[in-house]
Amino acid sequence: MNWKEFIVADPNVLVGKPIIKGTQLAVELILDRLADGWSQEDLLRSYPRLTPEAIQAVFAFASETIRDEQFVSIEKLSA
């Protein structure tokens, strides 16, 4: 999956947050809804311009972003 076909960032839209191309739907919003228990069907019904492929691109984008970042263990932060 080439998420770059579906996700863009424009400093003039939502302060440059990654969004679904052709919408003002932030990747963050899609992930938040999924974390809140929404299904893919819920998302597609609530956001008609969203596609199943765009949702898959959100996962690919998140996976690549996490893979490219270095994270510090929460335990280390509280020590």
C-alpha atoms as a PDB file:
ATOM      1  CA  MET A   1       0.000   0.000   0.000  1.00  0.00           C
ATOM      2  CA  ASN A   2       1.411   3.351  -1.040  1.00  0.00           C
ATOM      3  CA  TRP A   3      -0.152   5.647   1.544  1.00  0.00           C
ATOM      4  CA  LYS A   4       1.261   8.674  -0.294  1.00  0.00           C
ATOM      5  CA  GLU A   5      -1.489   8.251  -2.886  1.00  0.00           C
ATOM      6  CA  PHE A   6      -4.077   8.968  -0.171  1.00  0.00           C
ATOM      7  CA  ILE A   7      -2.439  11.110   2.522  1.00  0.00           C
ATOM      8  CA  VAL A   8      -0.982  14.596   2.173  1.00  0.00           C
ATOM      9  CA  ALA A   9       0.121  17.409   4.440  1.00  0.00           C
ATOM     10  CA  ASP A  10      -0.448  21.040   3.495  1.00  0.00           C
ATOM     11  CA  PRO A  11       0.541  23.848   5.876  1.00  0.00           C
ATOM     12  CA  ASN A  12      -2.597  25.708   4.762  1.00  0.00           C
ATOM     13  CA  VAL A  13      -4.940  22.876   5.811  1.00  0.00           C
ATOM     14  CA  LEU A  14      -5.305  21.901   9.485  1.00  0.00           C
ATOM     15  CA  VAL A  15      -1.950  23.489  10.292  1.00  0.00           C
ATOM     16  CA  GLY A  16      -0.119  20.934   8.176  1.00  0.00           C
ATOM     17  CA  LYS A  17      -1.454  17.802   9.881  1.00  0.00           C
ATOM     18  CA  PRO A  18      -1.572  14.738   7.619  1.00  0.00           C
ATOM     19  CA  ILE A  19      -5.023  14.497   6.004  1.00  0.00           C
ATOM     20  CA  ILE A  20      -6.864  12.262   3.569  1.00  0.00           C
ATOM     21  CA  LYS A  21      -6.265  13.746   0.121  1.00  0.00           C
ATOM     22  CA  GLY A  22      -9.214  15.788  -1.137  1.00  0.00           C
ATOM     23  CA  THR A  23     -10.732  16.178   2.339  1.00  0.00           C
ATOM     24  CA  GLN A  24     -10.063  17.924   5.598  1.00  0.00           C
ATOM     25  CA  LEU A  25     -10.139  14.626   7.486  1.00  0.00           C
ATOM     26  CA  ALA A  26      -6.996  14.319   9.581  1.00  0.00           C
ATOM     27  CA  VAL A  27      -5.268  10.967   9.932  1.00  0.00           C
ATOM     28  CA  GLU A  28      -5.388  11.685  13.660  1.00  0.00           C
ATOM     29  CA  LEU A  29      -9.211  11.916  13.534  1.00  0.00           C
ATOM     30  CA  ILE A  30      -9.522   8.557  11.787  1.00  0.00           C
ATOM     31  CA  LEU A  31      -7.199   6.884  14.290  1.00  0.00           C
ATOM     32  CA  ASP A  32      -9.044   8.505  17.213  1.00  0.00           C
ATOM     33  CA  ARG A  33     -12.403   7.246  15.952  1.00  0.00           C
ATOM     34  CA  LEU A  34     -11.024   3.731  15.503  1.00  0.00           C
ATOM     35  CA  ALA A  35      -9.489   3.863  19.002  1.00  0.00           C
ATOM     36  CA  ASP A  36     -12.924   4.885  20.302  1.00  0.00           C
ATOM     37  CA  GLY A  37     -14.382   1.677  18.856  1.00  0.00           C
ATOM     38  CA  TRP A  38     -15.784   2.917  15.561  1.00  0.00           C
ATOM     39  CA  SER A  39     -15.848   0.339  12.791  1.00  0.00           C
ATOM     40  CA  GLN A  40     -14.791   0.914   9.203  1.00  0.00           C
ATOM     41  CA  GLU A  41     -18.491   0.950   8.325  1.00  0.00           C
ATOM     42  CA  ASP A  42     -19.122   3.670  10.941  1.00  0.00           C
ATOM     43  CA  LEU A  43     -16.368   5.792   9.409  1.00  0.00           C
ATOM     44  CA  LEU A  44     -17.588   5.303   5.842  1.00  0.00           C
ATOM     45  CA  ARG A  45     -21.167   6.142   6.833  1.00  0.00           C
ATOM     46  CA  SER A  46     -20.150   9.263   8.793  1.00  0.00           C
ATOM     47  CA  TYR A  47     -17.585  10.538   6.281  1.00  0.00           C
ATOM     48  CA  PRO A  48     -18.910   9.802   2.758  1.00  0.00           C
ATOM     49  CA  ARG A  49     -15.751  11.040   1.010  1.00  0.00           C
ATOM     50  CA  LEU A  50     -13.670   8.471   2.906  1.00  0.00           C
ATOM     51  CA  THR A  51     -12.904   5.173   1.139  1.00  0.00           C
ATOM     52  CA  PRO A  52     -11.799   1.768   2.426  1.00  0.00           C
ATOM     53  CA  GLU A  53      -8.475   2.321   0.634  1.00  0.00           C
ATOM     54  CA  ALA A  54      -7.963   5.625   2.447  1.00  0.00           C
ATOM     55  CA  ILE A  55      -8.557   3.908   5.790  1.00  0.00           C
ATOM     56  CA  GLN A  56      -5.989   1.267   4.851  1.00  0.00           C
ATOM     57  CA  ALA A  57      -3.606   4.096   3.928  1.00  0.00           C
ATOM     58  CA  VAL A  58      -4.059   5.563   7.424  1.00  0.00           C
ATOM     59  CA  PHE A  59      -2.798   2.288   8.893  1.00  0.00           C
ATOM     60  CA  ALA A  60       0.124   2.150   6.458  1.00  0.00           C
ATOM     61  CA  PHE A  61       1.029   5.761   7.282  1.00  0.00           C
ATOM     62  CA  ALA A  62       0.843   5.121  11.035  1.00  0.00           C
ATOM     63  CA  SER A  63       2.933   1.963  10.725  1.00  0.00           C
ATOM     64  CA  GLU A  64       5.637   3.694   8.708  1.00  0.00           C
ATOM     65  CA  THR A  65       5.664   6.698  11.025  1.00  0.00           C
ATOM     66  CA  ILE A  66       6.050   4.545  14.119  1.00  0.00           C
ATOM     67  CA  ARG A  67       8.737   2.433  12.459  1.00  0.00           C
ATOM     68  CA  ASP A  68      10.741   5.561  11.639  1.00  0.00           C
ATOM     69  CA  GLU A  69      10.514   7.068  15.134  1.00  0.00           C
ATOM     70  CA  GLN A  70      12.443   6.225  18.265  1.00  0.00           C
ATOM     71  CA  PHE A  71      10.339   5.873  21.375  1.00  0.00           C
ATOM     72  CA  VAL A  72      11.371   6.020  24.997  1.00  0.00           C
ATOM     73  CA  SER A  73       9.776   3.564  27.365  1.00  0.00           C
ATOM     74  CA  ILE A  74       7.142   5.165  29.618  1.00  0.00           C
ATOM     75  CA  GLU A  75       8.823   3.442  32.571  1.00  0.00           C
ATOM     76  CA  LYS A  76      12.061   5.276  31.774  1.00  0.00           C
ATOM     77  CA  LEU A  77      10.238   8.608  31.577  1.00  0.00           C
ATOM     78  CA  SER A  78       8.749   8.225  35.053  1.00  0.00           C
ATOM     79  CA  ALA A  79      12.016   7.114  36.676  1.00  0.00           C
END
